[in-house]
Amino acid sequence: MKVAIVGASGAVGQEFLRILSERHFPIDELLLFGSSRSAGTTYQFNGKDHVVRLLQHGDDFRGVDVAFVSAGGGTSQEFAETITKHGAVMIDNSSAFRMDADVPLVVPEVNPEDALCRPRGIIANPNCTTIMMVVALKVIEELSHIRRVHIASYQSASGAGAAAMAELHEQYRQVLAGEKVTVEKFPYQLAYNVIPQVDVFTDNGYTKEEMKMFNETRKIMHSDVAVSAMCVRVPSLRSHSESIWVETERPIEVEEARRAFAEGLGLTLMDNPDKREYPMPLFLAGKDDVYVGRIRKDLANPNGLTFWIVSDQIRKGAALNAVQIAEYLIKVGNIKA
C-alpha cells in the first residue's frame, strides 16, 4: 500500500500521521506533499523520517493507492487530475467537490457504499459539523424518518486551523497582560467572546457553513430532510459542540433514543443529568467518537427530540473520517491492502 498525504504540515495533515500510526493502517510507502513553505520539512512516522515534497504537476503520484488531501479547495481543484490520473483514490478534505454529482460525499457510519462509485477517482470528506451531526442522526433515522433538523453549533478555534488555535492562546495571554489583542484569523477577538459567524454570508442571510449543513446532510443521508443551522465560533480550543432538535414522523421516546445512541456506530452515550454527566469539548479532545448527551423531548413539538453532541473536529471531523473511508475500501476489497 502506497499512501500520500497532501498538506502534511497542517493541523489535519499532522492528525493524519497520528491516526494512520495509531490504527496500524497498512502502509508500505508513505509520501508527504506540501507547499513551498513546508517542502523540505521532515516528519517522523513509525520511527522513520519522511521529507515533505513540493506538490507539483507531474508523475509523483504514480503507484499511489490512496491520497489523503487537506490543503484547501483551490489546491484540490488544481491538482485533482494530477493526483488521480494514475489510479490513486483521492480522499479530499476540502469543500471543492462535496456537492458535485459525480463525487461521493461519505461518512462511513452512514453511507459507506457511496464510496464505491467514484467516476473521477475522488471521494469528498464532508464538513466537520455535518460529519458529527449525521453520525448521530443516522440512528434516529433508523427509528423514524427525520423531517426537520434545527441545529446550533458551537465551533472551536481548531475549525480554522492550527494558526487559529495559536491565535486564541495568544489572545488570552494578551488580554491578561493588558496588551493590544491580535485579530487575524477571525472577524473579531475570540477570547472571552462568541462570534455568530463561521465562513462568509450568502444571499439568504445564512453563512456558507450553515448552508453546507443543509446541503451535505441531504446528500449523505439521501433524504429530503430540511436542515436549519446557526453556526457560532466559541473560545474553546478543540472539539466542536452542537445542540440539535429533530422532528420525526412518529414520536420517539427518550429511552428509545438513548438505547439507539448507546448502540450506534461511532457514538458514545454520555447522558446522566443527575450526576452532571454530559459531553464537553474540554474533556473530549483527541477522542474518536461523537459523544451524545442531554437527550430529552422537545417541549415545543410532540414529534420532537433534542440532544447535545461533542466531537473532536480535527479527528472525526476531518482526518479520522477520511482514514475510515480508506479502511472501508480495503475491507470490501475495493482497493488493495
Protein backbone atom coordinates (compact mmCIF):
# COMPACT_ATOMS: atom_id res chain seq x y z
CA MET A 1 0.00 0.00 0.00
CA LYS A 2 1.45 3.32 -1.14
CA VAL A 3 -0.12 6.29 0.64
CA ALA A 4 0.25 10.04 0.11
CA ILE A 5 -0.69 12.93 2.38
CA VAL A 6 -1.13 16.30 0.71
CA GLY A 7 -0.97 19.19 3.16
CA ALA A 8 1.16 17.21 5.59
CA SER A 9 2.28 20.21 7.65
CA GLY A 10 -1.20 21.47 8.51
CA ALA A 11 -3.24 20.58 11.57
CA VAL A 12 -5.22 17.93 9.70
CA GLY A 13 -2.13 16.62 7.93
CA GLN A 14 -0.41 16.10 11.26
CA GLU A 15 -3.52 14.37 12.56
CA PHE A 16 -3.40 12.04 9.55
CA LEU A 17 0.08 10.93 10.60
CA ARG A 18 -1.05 10.24 14.16
CA ILE A 19 -4.21 8.38 13.19
CA LEU A 20 -2.58 6.25 10.49
CA SER A 21 0.02 5.18 13.04
CA GLU A 22 -2.46 4.59 15.87
CA ARG A 23 -4.76 2.48 13.70
CA HIS A 24 -1.89 0.49 12.13
CA PHE A 25 -3.05 1.44 8.66
CA PRO A 26 -1.29 -0.83 6.13
CA ILE A 27 1.42 1.35 4.60
CA ASP A 28 4.43 0.11 2.68
CA GLU A 29 5.45 3.53 1.41
CA LEU A 30 4.42 6.98 2.61
CA LEU A 31 4.78 10.18 0.60
CA LEU A 32 4.26 13.63 2.10
CA PHE A 33 3.47 16.68 -0.02
CA GLY A 34 3.14 20.37 0.77
CA SER A 35 3.57 23.91 -0.43
CA SER A 36 6.89 25.66 -0.99
CA ARG A 37 6.72 26.83 2.65
CA SER A 38 6.65 23.29 4.03
CA ALA A 39 8.65 21.44 1.38
CA GLY A 40 11.84 20.08 2.91
CA THR A 41 10.36 19.72 6.40
CA THR A 42 10.97 16.34 7.99
CA TYR A 43 8.38 14.40 9.99
CA GLN A 44 8.67 11.06 11.72
CA PHE A 45 6.21 8.28 11.01
CA ASN A 46 6.53 4.88 12.63
CA GLY A 47 10.14 5.56 13.53
CA LYS A 48 11.26 6.72 10.08
CA ASP A 49 11.95 10.22 8.79
CA HIS A 50 9.88 11.46 5.86
CA VAL A 51 10.68 14.66 4.00
CA VAL A 52 7.83 16.80 2.64
CA ARG A 53 7.98 17.06 -1.14
CA LEU A 54 6.82 20.08 -3.11
CA LEU A 55 3.37 19.46 -4.57
CA GLN A 56 3.68 19.94 -8.31
CA HIS A 57 2.25 18.64 -11.55
CA GLY A 58 3.90 15.54 -12.92
CA ASP A 59 4.03 11.86 -12.09
CA ASP A 60 4.81 11.93 -8.37
CA PHE A 61 1.54 10.07 -7.64
CA ARG A 62 2.30 7.13 -9.93
CA GLY A 63 1.73 3.96 -7.91
CA VAL A 64 -0.09 5.75 -5.07
CA ASP A 65 -3.13 3.81 -3.88
CA VAL A 66 -4.70 6.40 -1.56
CA ALA A 67 -4.06 10.13 -1.30
CA PHE A 68 -5.38 11.97 1.75
CA VAL A 69 -5.70 15.62 0.71
CA SER A 70 -6.11 18.52 3.12
CA ALA A 71 -4.57 21.57 1.51
CA GLY A 72 -7.54 23.82 0.73
CA GLY A 73 -10.14 23.87 -2.02
CA GLY A 74 -8.05 25.73 -4.56
CA THR A 75 -5.19 23.24 -4.29
CA SER A 76 -7.60 20.30 -4.50
CA GLN A 77 -9.16 21.64 -7.67
CA GLU A 78 -5.82 22.43 -9.28
CA PHE A 79 -4.16 19.09 -8.50
CA ALA A 80 -7.07 16.60 -8.59
CA GLU A 81 -6.23 15.34 -12.06
CA THR A 82 -2.52 15.08 -11.20
CA ILE A 83 -3.32 13.09 -8.06
CA THR A 84 -5.81 10.69 -9.65
CA LYS A 85 -4.52 10.22 -13.20
CA HIS A 86 -2.55 7.06 -12.34
CA GLY A 87 -5.41 5.48 -10.37
CA ALA A 88 -4.98 6.85 -6.86
CA VAL A 89 -8.13 7.23 -4.77
CA MET A 90 -8.20 10.88 -3.69
CA ILE A 91 -9.99 11.42 -0.37
CA ASP A 92 -10.40 15.17 -0.22
CA ASN A 93 -10.98 17.16 2.94
CA SER A 94 -11.86 20.47 1.26
CA SER A 95 -15.24 21.75 0.10
CA ALA A 96 -14.15 21.74 -3.56
CA PHE A 97 -16.08 18.67 -4.73
CA ARG A 98 -18.61 17.93 -1.99
CA MET A 99 -21.72 18.84 -3.94
CA ASP A 100 -20.54 17.56 -7.33
CA ALA A 101 -22.97 14.89 -8.54
CA ASP A 102 -20.12 12.58 -9.66
CA VAL A 103 -18.21 12.77 -6.36
CA PRO A 104 -19.49 10.73 -3.39
CA LEU A 105 -19.74 12.52 -0.04
CA VAL A 106 -19.11 9.89 2.61
CA VAL A 107 -19.39 9.29 6.35
CA PRO A 108 -18.59 5.59 6.92
CA GLU A 109 -21.13 5.12 9.72
CA VAL A 110 -23.88 6.47 7.45
CA ASN A 111 -23.29 5.81 3.73
CA PRO A 112 -20.08 3.81 3.19
CA GLU A 113 -21.32 2.16 -0.02
CA ASP A 114 -21.39 5.53 -1.77
CA ALA A 115 -17.56 5.45 -1.77
CA LEU A 116 -17.62 2.54 -4.22
CA CYS A 117 -18.91 4.69 -7.10
CA ARG A 118 -16.38 7.44 -7.80
CA PRO A 119 -16.17 8.20 -11.55
CA ARG A 120 -13.45 10.82 -11.07
CA GLY A 121 -11.45 8.85 -8.51
CA ILE A 122 -12.39 11.39 -5.83
CA ILE A 123 -14.25 10.89 -2.54
CA ALA A 124 -15.19 14.01 -0.60
CA ASN A 125 -14.94 14.30 3.16
CA PRO A 126 -17.92 16.33 4.45
CA ASN A 127 -17.75 19.46 6.54
CA CYS A 128 -16.78 18.77 10.16
CA THR A 129 -20.07 19.97 11.63
CA THR A 130 -22.03 17.83 9.18
CA ILE A 131 -19.99 14.69 9.89
CA MET A 132 -20.61 14.68 13.61
CA MET A 133 -24.29 15.52 13.20
CA VAL A 134 -25.14 12.82 10.64
CA VAL A 135 -23.43 10.11 12.72
CA ALA A 136 -25.98 10.92 15.42
CA LEU A 137 -28.90 11.45 13.03
CA LYS A 138 -28.33 8.06 11.40
CA VAL A 139 -29.59 6.13 14.44
CA ILE A 140 -32.66 8.37 14.77
CA GLU A 141 -33.46 7.99 11.07
CA GLU A 142 -33.47 4.21 11.56
CA LEU A 143 -36.19 4.63 14.21
CA SER A 144 -38.33 7.09 12.28
CA HIS A 145 -37.77 9.28 9.24
CA ILE A 146 -36.47 12.73 10.19
CA ARG A 147 -38.48 15.55 8.67
CA ARG A 148 -36.63 18.55 10.09
CA VAL A 149 -33.44 19.38 11.96
CA HIS A 150 -32.62 22.60 13.76
CA ILE A 151 -29.01 22.86 14.80
CA ALA A 152 -26.91 25.37 16.72
CA SER A 153 -23.19 24.67 16.51
CA TYR A 154 -20.54 25.88 18.96
CA GLN A 155 -17.32 25.61 16.98
CA SER A 156 -13.86 25.72 18.49
CA ALA A 157 -10.83 27.58 17.19
CA SER A 158 -9.48 24.33 15.75
CA GLY A 159 -12.04 24.58 12.95
CA ALA A 160 -9.98 27.42 11.47
CA GLY A 161 -6.69 25.53 11.68
CA ALA A 162 -3.51 25.41 13.74
CA ALA A 163 -2.78 29.14 13.33
CA ALA A 164 -6.23 30.00 14.70
CA MET A 165 -5.65 27.81 17.74
CA ALA A 166 -2.35 29.61 18.33
CA GLU A 167 -4.09 32.98 17.95
CA LEU A 168 -6.66 32.08 20.61
CA HIS A 169 -3.85 31.14 23.01
CA GLU A 170 -2.13 34.43 22.27
CA GLN A 171 -5.32 36.46 22.65
CA TYR A 172 -5.89 35.11 26.15
CA ARG A 173 -2.31 35.95 27.06
CA GLN A 174 -2.62 39.45 25.58
CA VAL A 175 -5.88 40.19 27.41
CA LEU A 176 -4.43 39.10 30.76
CA ALA A 177 -1.27 41.10 30.12
CA GLY A 178 -3.22 44.22 29.20
CA GLU A 179 -1.77 44.24 25.68
CA LYS A 180 -3.44 45.04 22.37
CA VAL A 181 -5.18 41.90 21.10
CA THR A 182 -4.12 40.41 17.77
CA VAL A 183 -7.08 39.63 15.47
CA GLU A 184 -6.23 37.94 12.19
CA LYS A 185 -7.96 34.55 11.88
CA PHE A 186 -11.48 35.58 12.94
CA PRO A 187 -13.70 38.61 12.26
CA TYR A 188 -13.36 39.71 15.90
CA GLN A 189 -11.46 38.82 19.05
CA LEU A 190 -12.46 35.28 20.01
CA ALA A 191 -11.02 35.18 23.54
CA TYR A 192 -13.78 35.92 26.08
CA ASN A 193 -16.25 36.20 23.20
CA VAL A 194 -18.53 34.26 20.86
CA ILE A 195 -18.89 35.13 17.17
CA PRO A 196 -22.17 34.23 15.41
CA GLN A 197 -20.42 33.80 12.06
CA VAL A 198 -18.50 30.85 10.64
CA ASP A 199 -17.47 31.40 6.99
CA VAL A 200 -18.91 34.14 4.79
CA PHE A 201 -22.55 35.15 4.42
CA THR A 202 -24.66 34.13 1.42
CA ASP A 203 -27.56 36.00 -0.17
CA ASN A 204 -30.18 34.31 2.03
CA GLY A 205 -28.58 35.52 5.26
CA TYR A 206 -27.08 32.13 6.13
CA THR A 207 -23.34 31.57 6.11
CA LYS A 208 -21.65 29.10 3.78
CA GLU A 209 -21.01 26.87 6.82
CA GLU A 210 -24.73 26.82 7.61
CA MET A 211 -25.67 26.05 4.02
CA LYS A 212 -23.12 23.22 3.94
CA MET A 213 -25.02 21.57 6.77
CA PHE A 214 -28.28 21.87 4.81
CA ASN A 215 -26.95 20.55 1.50
CA GLU A 216 -24.44 17.98 2.71
CA THR A 217 -26.85 16.30 5.14
CA ARG A 218 -29.38 15.68 2.38
CA LYS A 219 -26.73 14.25 0.04
CA ILE A 220 -25.15 11.95 2.65
CA MET A 221 -28.44 10.66 4.04
CA HIS A 222 -30.20 10.51 0.65
CA SER A 223 -33.04 12.33 2.35
CA ASP A 224 -35.43 15.22 1.90
CA VAL A 225 -34.75 16.35 5.49
CA ALA A 226 -34.88 20.12 5.99
CA VAL A 227 -31.95 21.49 7.99
CA SER A 228 -31.72 24.96 9.51
CA ALA A 229 -28.42 25.84 11.16
CA MET A 230 -26.87 28.62 13.23
CA CYS A 231 -23.09 28.24 13.40
CA VAL A 232 -21.20 30.06 16.14
CA ARG A 233 -17.47 30.30 16.87
CA VAL A 234 -16.70 29.89 20.58
CA PRO A 235 -13.43 30.31 22.51
CA SER A 236 -12.77 26.64 23.16
CA LEU A 237 -9.57 25.30 21.67
CA ARG A 238 -10.52 21.97 20.14
CA SER A 239 -13.68 19.87 19.58
CA HIS A 240 -16.99 21.21 18.30
CA SER A 241 -20.35 21.05 20.10
CA GLU A 242 -23.86 21.02 18.66
CA SER A 243 -27.35 21.40 20.08
CA ILE A 244 -29.78 19.52 17.84
CA TRP A 245 -33.57 19.44 17.57
CA VAL A 246 -35.12 16.79 15.31
CA GLU A 247 -38.71 16.30 14.20
CA THR A 248 -39.55 12.73 13.20
CA GLU A 249 -42.59 11.18 11.52
CA ARG A 250 -43.58 9.46 14.75
CA PRO A 251 -42.77 10.43 18.34
CA ILE A 252 -39.59 8.84 19.69
CA GLU A 253 -39.35 8.28 23.42
CA VAL A 254 -36.24 9.35 25.28
CA GLU A 255 -35.30 5.83 26.39
CA GLU A 256 -35.74 4.55 22.85
CA ALA A 257 -33.38 7.22 21.56
CA ARG A 258 -30.93 6.61 24.40
CA ARG A 259 -30.71 2.91 23.53
CA ALA A 260 -30.18 3.72 19.87
CA PHE A 261 -27.38 6.18 20.65
CA ALA A 262 -25.75 3.67 23.02
CA GLU A 263 -25.67 1.03 20.26
CA GLY A 264 -24.91 3.32 17.32
CA LEU A 265 -21.70 3.12 15.30
CA GLY A 266 -19.19 5.82 16.20
CA LEU A 267 -21.27 7.07 19.12
CA THR A 268 -20.69 7.14 22.87
CA LEU A 269 -23.61 7.84 25.19
CA MET A 270 -22.75 10.30 27.98
CA ASP A 271 -26.11 11.22 29.44
CA ASN A 272 -26.58 11.24 33.21
CA PRO A 273 -28.02 14.61 34.29
CA ASP A 274 -28.34 13.54 37.94
CA LYS A 275 -24.56 13.22 38.11
CA ARG A 276 -23.94 16.18 35.77
CA GLU A 277 -22.51 13.87 33.14
CA TYR A 278 -22.72 15.23 29.60
CA PRO A 279 -20.25 15.80 26.75
CA MET A 280 -17.92 18.81 26.94
CA PRO A 281 -15.21 19.81 24.46
CA LEU A 282 -12.56 20.36 27.13
CA PHE A 283 -12.53 16.68 28.02
CA LEU A 284 -13.12 15.08 24.63
CA ALA A 285 -10.26 16.43 22.50
CA GLY A 286 -8.35 13.54 21.00
CA LYS A 287 -11.30 11.12 21.18
CA ASP A 288 -12.63 9.35 18.10
CA ASP A 289 -16.36 9.08 18.76
CA VAL A 290 -19.27 11.50 18.65
CA TYR A 291 -20.49 11.87 22.25
CA VAL A 292 -24.21 12.30 22.92
CA GLY A 293 -25.98 13.67 25.99
CA ARG A 294 -28.82 15.91 27.27
CA ILE A 295 -31.38 13.72 25.46
CA ARG A 296 -34.93 14.92 26.07
CA LYS A 297 -38.31 15.52 24.46
CA ASP A 298 -38.83 18.80 22.64
CA LEU A 299 -41.43 20.69 24.68
CA ALA A 300 -42.46 22.67 21.59
CA ASN A 301 -43.09 19.70 19.29
CA PRO A 302 -44.85 16.40 20.10
CA ASN A 303 -42.76 14.66 17.42
CA GLY A 304 -39.58 16.40 18.53
CA LEU A 305 -36.44 15.25 20.29
CA THR A 306 -33.44 17.31 21.32
CA PHE A 307 -29.91 16.35 22.31
CA TRP A 308 -26.34 17.64 22.58
CA ILE A 309 -23.25 16.25 20.84
CA VAL A 310 -19.50 16.89 21.04
CA SER A 311 -16.75 15.57 18.78
CA ASP A 312 -13.13 16.36 18.00
CA GLN A 313 -13.24 18.42 14.82
CA ILE A 314 -9.71 17.52 13.71
CA ARG A 315 -10.18 13.79 14.27
CA LYS A 316 -13.71 12.61 13.42
CA GLY A 317 -14.49 15.93 11.77
CA ALA A 318 -11.61 15.56 9.32
CA ALA A 319 -8.67 13.12 9.38
CA LEU A 320 -10.30 10.14 11.09
CA ASN A 321 -13.34 10.18 8.80
CA ALA A 322 -11.05 10.10 5.75
CA VAL A 323 -8.98 7.24 7.14
CA GLN A 324 -12.16 5.29 7.95
CA ILE A 325 -13.26 5.69 4.34
CA ALA A 326 -9.98 4.15 3.16
CA GLU A 327 -10.30 1.36 5.74
CA TYR A 328 -13.77 0.55 4.40
CA LEU A 329 -12.47 0.37 0.82
CA ILE A 330 -9.74 -2.03 1.94
CA LYS A 331 -12.24 -4.14 3.93
CA VAL A 332 -14.53 -4.66 0.95
CA GLY A 333 -11.60 -5.25 -1.42
CA ASN A 334 -12.16 -2.08 -3.44
CA ILE A 335 -8.50 -1.11 -3.06
CA LYS A 336 -5.64 -3.44 -2.32
CA ALA A 337 -4.01 -3.82 1.10
